Protein backbone atom coordinates (compact mmCIF):
# COMPACT_ATOMS: atom_id res chain seq x y z
CA MET A 1 98.54 92.78 98.09
CA GLY A 2 100.17 93.02 101.50
CA TYR A 3 100.36 94.96 104.73
CA PHE A 4 101.41 98.15 102.90
CA PRO A 5 100.00 99.28 99.55
CA ILE A 6 102.63 99.27 96.79
CA GLY A 7 103.03 102.23 94.48
CA ALA A 8 105.45 103.31 91.77
CA ILE A 9 106.74 106.56 90.33
CA VAL A 10 105.20 107.11 86.90
CA ASP A 11 108.45 108.42 85.41
CA SER A 12 110.31 105.28 86.46
CA PHE A 13 108.54 103.36 83.70
CA LYS A 14 110.09 105.61 81.04
CA MET A 15 106.76 105.62 79.20
CA GLU A 16 104.06 108.12 78.32
CA THR A 17 101.94 108.73 81.42
CA HIS A 18 98.78 106.89 80.35
CA GLU A 19 100.81 103.92 79.11
CA ALA A 20 102.71 103.86 82.41
CA ILE A 21 99.43 103.81 84.30
CA LYS A 22 98.22 100.84 82.25
CA LYS A 23 101.53 99.06 82.80
CA ALA A 24 101.39 99.68 86.55
CA ALA A 25 97.83 98.36 86.71
CA SER A 26 98.84 95.18 84.88
CA MET A 27 101.49 94.57 87.56
CA GLY A 28 99.03 94.87 90.43
CA ILE A 29 100.42 98.18 91.64
CA GLU A 30 97.95 100.22 93.67
CA GLY A 31 99.33 103.75 93.66
CA LEU A 32 101.27 106.23 91.55
CA GLN A 33 103.53 109.16 92.23
CA ILE A 34 103.81 111.72 89.47
CA TYR A 35 106.33 114.52 88.85
CA CYS A 36 104.61 117.90 88.69
CA THR A 37 107.52 120.32 88.38
CA LYS A 38 107.95 120.93 84.66
CA GLY A 39 106.45 120.06 81.30
CA ILE A 40 102.81 119.13 80.83
CA HIS A 41 102.27 118.31 84.52
CA ALA A 42 103.73 121.52 85.94
CA PRO A 43 101.03 123.51 87.78
CA GLU A 44 101.04 126.30 85.19
CA ASN A 45 100.45 123.82 82.35
CA PHE A 46 98.28 121.18 84.00
CA SER A 47 94.72 122.51 84.01
CA LYS A 48 92.06 121.37 86.46
CA ALA A 49 90.29 119.59 83.60
CA ASP A 50 93.51 117.76 82.69
CA ARG A 51 94.09 116.79 86.31
CA ARG A 52 90.55 115.43 86.55
CA GLU A 53 91.02 113.44 83.33
CA LEU A 54 94.24 111.88 84.58
CA LEU A 55 92.80 111.09 87.99
CA ASN A 56 89.78 109.42 86.41
CA PHE A 57 92.01 107.45 84.03
CA ALA A 58 94.04 106.20 86.98
CA LYS A 59 90.90 105.31 88.92
CA ASP A 60 89.47 103.48 85.91
CA HIS A 61 92.57 101.27 86.08
CA GLY A 62 92.22 100.69 89.80
CA LEU A 63 94.94 103.10 90.90
CA ARG A 64 95.21 106.24 93.00
CA PHE A 65 97.94 108.80 93.52
CA SER A 66 100.18 108.12 96.50
CA ALA A 67 101.96 111.48 96.19
CA ILE A 68 103.12 114.25 93.88
CA CYS A 69 106.81 114.89 93.33
CA GLY A 70 107.52 118.60 93.70
CA ASP A 71 111.32 118.54 93.69
CA LEU A 72 112.46 121.72 91.92
CA GLY A 73 116.16 120.82 92.04
CA GLY A 74 118.90 123.42 92.01
CA GLY A 75 119.95 122.83 95.60
CA GLY A 76 116.43 122.87 96.98
CA PHE A 77 115.86 125.93 99.17
CA THR A 78 119.49 126.66 100.01
CA HIS A 79 119.79 129.78 97.82
CA PRO A 80 117.79 132.60 99.47
CA GLU A 81 117.69 134.75 96.34
CA LEU A 82 115.81 131.97 94.51
CA ASN A 83 113.49 130.99 97.34
CA PRO A 84 110.59 133.42 96.81
CA GLU A 85 109.96 132.01 93.32
CA LYS A 86 110.56 128.41 94.42
CA ILE A 87 108.29 128.74 97.45
CA GLU A 88 105.50 130.22 95.34
CA LYS A 89 105.75 127.40 92.80
CA SER A 90 105.86 124.83 95.61
CA LYS A 91 102.61 126.26 96.97
CA ARG A 92 100.99 125.83 93.55
CA ILE A 93 102.18 122.22 93.48
CA ILE A 94 100.77 121.70 96.98
CA ASP A 95 97.45 123.04 95.67
CA MET A 96 97.38 120.18 93.15
CA CYS A 97 97.04 117.65 95.95
CA ALA A 98 93.31 118.24 96.23
CA ASP A 99 92.76 117.84 92.49
CA LEU A 100 94.67 114.54 92.38
CA GLU A 101 93.15 113.34 95.67
CA THR A 102 96.44 112.88 97.46
CA GLY A 103 97.73 114.64 100.54
CA VAL A 104 101.47 114.50 99.92
CA VAL A 105 104.07 116.43 97.91
CA THR A 106 107.62 115.05 98.14
CA THR A 107 110.76 117.08 97.61
CA HIS A 108 114.45 117.59 98.35
CA ILE A 109 115.18 120.79 100.25
CA GLY A 110 119.00 120.60 100.16
CA VAL A 111 121.49 119.36 102.74
CA VAL A 112 120.56 120.30 106.32
CA PRO A 113 123.81 121.16 108.13
CA GLU A 114 124.59 119.38 111.39
CA ASP A 115 125.68 122.74 112.80
CA LYS A 116 122.52 124.64 113.75
CA ASN A 117 124.48 127.90 113.60
CA HIS A 118 125.35 127.38 109.95
CA GLU A 119 123.84 130.08 107.71
CA ARG A 120 122.19 127.45 105.51
CA TYR A 121 120.29 126.06 108.52
CA LYS A 122 118.41 129.34 109.03
CA ILE A 123 117.77 129.73 105.29
CA LEU A 124 116.17 126.28 105.15
CA GLN A 125 114.22 126.91 108.35
CA GLU A 126 112.66 130.07 106.97
CA ALA A 127 111.63 128.48 103.68
CA CYS A 128 110.29 125.31 105.29
CA HIS A 129 108.40 127.20 107.99
CA GLU A 130 106.51 129.14 105.33
CA LEU A 131 105.77 125.96 103.38
CA ALA A 132 104.72 124.12 106.55
CA MET A 133 102.22 126.83 107.40
CA TYR A 134 100.83 126.77 103.88
CA ALA A 135 100.57 122.97 103.78
CA ASP A 136 98.77 123.05 107.13
CA SER A 137 96.31 125.62 105.77
CA VAL A 138 95.23 123.35 102.90
CA GLY A 139 95.44 120.01 104.74
CA ALA A 140 98.48 118.69 102.87
CA LYS A 141 102.00 117.52 103.70
CA PHE A 142 105.20 118.82 102.09
CA ALA A 143 107.48 115.83 102.63
CA ILE A 144 111.29 116.07 102.68
CA GLU A 145 113.00 113.04 101.17
CA THR A 146 115.60 111.48 103.45
CA GLY A 147 119.21 111.04 102.44
CA PRO A 148 121.23 114.25 102.45
CA GLU A 149 121.58 114.17 106.25
CA ARG A 150 121.37 111.63 109.07
CA SER A 151 117.83 111.01 110.30
CA ILE A 152 118.52 112.50 113.74
CA VAL A 153 119.68 115.74 112.10
CA LEU A 154 116.52 115.87 110.00
CA LYS A 155 114.35 115.17 113.06
CA GLU A 156 115.87 118.04 115.01
CA PHE A 157 115.38 120.32 112.01
CA LEU A 158 111.73 119.33 111.68
CA ASP A 159 111.16 119.73 115.42
CA SER A 160 112.39 123.32 115.08
CA LEU A 161 109.55 124.17 112.67
CA GLY A 162 106.77 123.55 115.19
CA SER A 163 104.55 121.89 112.56
CA THR A 164 104.09 118.63 110.72
CA GLY A 165 103.05 120.47 107.55
CA VAL A 166 106.62 119.80 106.43
CA SER A 167 107.10 116.11 107.05
CA VAL A 168 109.05 113.11 105.68
CA ASN A 169 109.21 110.93 102.59
CA LEU A 170 111.46 108.15 103.88
CA ASP A 171 113.84 106.79 101.25
CA PRO A 172 115.96 104.04 102.84
CA ALA A 173 118.33 103.75 99.89
CA ASN A 174 119.38 107.39 100.10
CA LEU A 175 120.28 106.88 103.73
CA VAL A 176 122.52 103.87 103.14
CA MET A 177 124.04 105.27 99.93
CA VAL A 178 125.01 108.71 101.21
CA THR A 179 125.19 108.96 105.01
CA GLY A 180 125.49 105.26 105.86
CA ASP A 181 122.56 105.80 108.22
CA ASP A 182 120.41 102.87 109.40
CA PRO A 183 116.91 102.90 107.80
CA VAL A 184 115.43 101.08 110.80
CA GLY A 185 116.78 103.70 113.17
CA ALA A 186 115.50 106.39 110.82
CA VAL A 187 111.97 104.97 111.06
CA TYR A 188 112.00 105.38 114.83
CA ASN A 189 113.72 108.77 114.78
CA LEU A 190 111.30 110.21 112.24
CA GLN A 191 108.12 108.30 113.07
CA LYS A 192 106.16 111.45 113.95
CA TYR A 193 106.75 112.85 110.47
CA ILE A 194 106.65 109.91 108.01
CA VAL A 195 103.78 110.29 105.53
CA HIS A 196 105.18 108.52 102.47
CA THR A 197 108.06 106.20 101.60
CA HIS A 198 110.13 105.29 98.57
CA ALA A 199 111.01 101.65 98.00
CA LYS A 200 114.53 101.86 96.63
CA ASP A 201 117.81 100.04 97.24
CA GLY A 202 121.45 100.94 96.82
CA VAL A 203 125.02 100.69 98.05
CA LYS A 204 127.60 103.22 99.18
CA LEU A 205 130.76 103.05 97.07
CA LEU A 206 132.77 105.84 98.65
CA ASP A 207 132.41 107.56 102.01
CA VAL A 208 132.54 111.26 101.13
CA GLY A 209 129.71 112.72 103.20
CA PRO A 210 126.56 114.45 101.96
CA GLU A 211 128.13 117.85 101.31
CA ILE A 212 130.28 116.35 98.56
CA ALA A 213 127.83 113.65 97.43
CA TYR A 214 125.15 116.28 96.81
CA ARG A 215 127.66 118.72 95.28
CA VAL A 216 127.19 121.38 97.95
CA VAL A 217 130.96 121.80 97.95
CA HIS A 218 132.16 123.58 94.78
CA PRO A 219 134.34 122.51 93.24
CA VAL A 220 134.36 118.88 94.36
CA PRO A 221 137.83 118.19 95.81
CA GLU A 222 140.20 116.87 93.17
CA GLU A 223 140.63 113.48 94.84
CA PHE A 224 136.90 112.82 94.43
CA GLN A 225 136.40 114.17 90.92
CA GLY A 226 135.24 111.60 88.38
CA LYS A 227 134.44 109.03 91.05
CA LYS A 228 131.11 107.37 91.74
CA PHE A 229 130.02 107.79 95.33
CA TYR A 230 127.04 105.42 95.40
CA GLN A 231 124.96 103.18 93.19
CA GLU A 232 121.24 102.54 93.07
CA VAL A 233 120.40 98.86 92.46
CA PRO A 234 117.23 96.76 92.11
CA LEU A 235 115.45 95.97 95.39
CA GLY A 236 117.05 93.13 97.27
CA GLN A 237 120.48 93.68 95.72
CA GLY A 238 121.63 96.55 97.94
CA SER A 239 122.25 97.41 101.58
CA VAL A 240 118.66 97.98 102.70
CA ASP A 241 117.33 95.14 104.87
CA PHE A 242 113.72 95.39 103.74
CA PRO A 243 112.21 92.79 106.13
CA LYS A 244 113.63 94.67 109.15
CA TYR A 245 112.82 98.06 107.65
CA LEU A 246 109.20 97.14 106.91
CA ALA A 247 108.81 95.57 110.36
CA ALA A 248 109.88 98.89 111.86
CA LEU A 249 107.34 100.78 109.72
CA LYS A 250 104.64 98.40 110.91
CA ASP A 251 105.77 98.80 114.51
CA ILE A 252 105.30 102.59 114.44
CA GLY A 253 101.85 102.22 112.88
CA TYR A 254 102.69 103.43 109.39
CA LYS A 255 100.11 102.23 106.88
CA GLY A 256 100.95 104.32 103.83
CA PHE A 257 102.53 103.54 100.50
CA LEU A 258 105.79 101.87 99.59
CA THR A 259 106.34 103.71 96.31
CA ILE A 260 108.91 102.07 94.07
CA GLU A 261 111.48 104.41 92.58
CA ARG A 262 113.90 103.20 89.90
CA GLU A 263 116.12 106.01 88.65
CA CYS A 264 118.42 104.03 86.36
CA GLY A 265 118.91 100.62 84.74
CA GLU A 266 118.41 99.30 81.22
CA ASP A 267 114.91 97.95 81.84
CA PRO A 268 113.28 99.96 84.64
CA ALA A 269 109.85 98.37 84.12
CA ALA A 270 111.36 94.92 84.68
CA ASP A 271 113.18 96.23 87.75
CA ILE A 272 109.88 97.57 89.09
CA GLY A 273 108.47 94.06 88.70
CA ILE A 274 111.42 92.71 90.70
CA ALA A 275 110.70 95.33 93.37
CA VAL A 276 107.03 94.37 93.60
CA GLU A 277 107.93 90.73 94.18
CA HIS A 278 110.64 91.60 96.70
CA LEU A 279 108.23 93.79 98.67
CA LYS A 280 105.60 91.03 98.65
CA ARG A 281 108.13 88.55 100.03
CA SER A 282 109.33 91.03 102.63
CA MET A 283 105.75 91.73 103.77
CA ALA A 284 104.88 88.05 103.99
CA GLY A 285 106.59 87.75 107.35
CA LEU A 286 104.97 90.80 108.93
């Protein structure tokens, strides 16, 4: 299809999983990312036989899994009293990589503070170090999605772990929508850690910083209450310069998936089609 294989998040189709797989195959999509945090695909509910059936169904339609989404929400790993349970469940999600023949789990860990002396920095370090060691032990990657902090802040945090077991799922839209960071610069800053990417676009509507945008500050200051901070839009209609961004990915030697994520919109399947065509056009000049 192009220099990079194109994938899509199953849930973005807003369809039953098998129907979404068939729809993705009809659009020429090559890979799928599936949420495995709750419901029938949570590790405690998704038996090995069920995983094998779904993998075979995807393969029969010419697809493979680009990644698993293991985002447990609730502020990621910023609340130490919740982390033992969240870390244990994350390990079980990492275990699913082998069964679905992918090597990547993506997640949000919470906002990494710019101040390395901030209490939250150490809390996140401890949780991510344990998960990095576990991912290393099973040959997988636990990939932090970009957005809640500038890429240089995330790089320094990852460098502090001494492992690439915790790595990066680069989402260019999150960067432009929240921090105003440059996705091209992020590619070069994070190149050692990038194992998966999301193809998503968006615009920043209000410059409030990640602490407020991600509701780390409680309550949100009155002047920002009820306001929309950013907006996700179909690919090509936002602030991400995909030709330059993809050229940077090629330059660092990345050859993994561009996995389309569409979190809103009246017709997400149609928007995924728009994204596929936009990515094809953007790759044509590589």
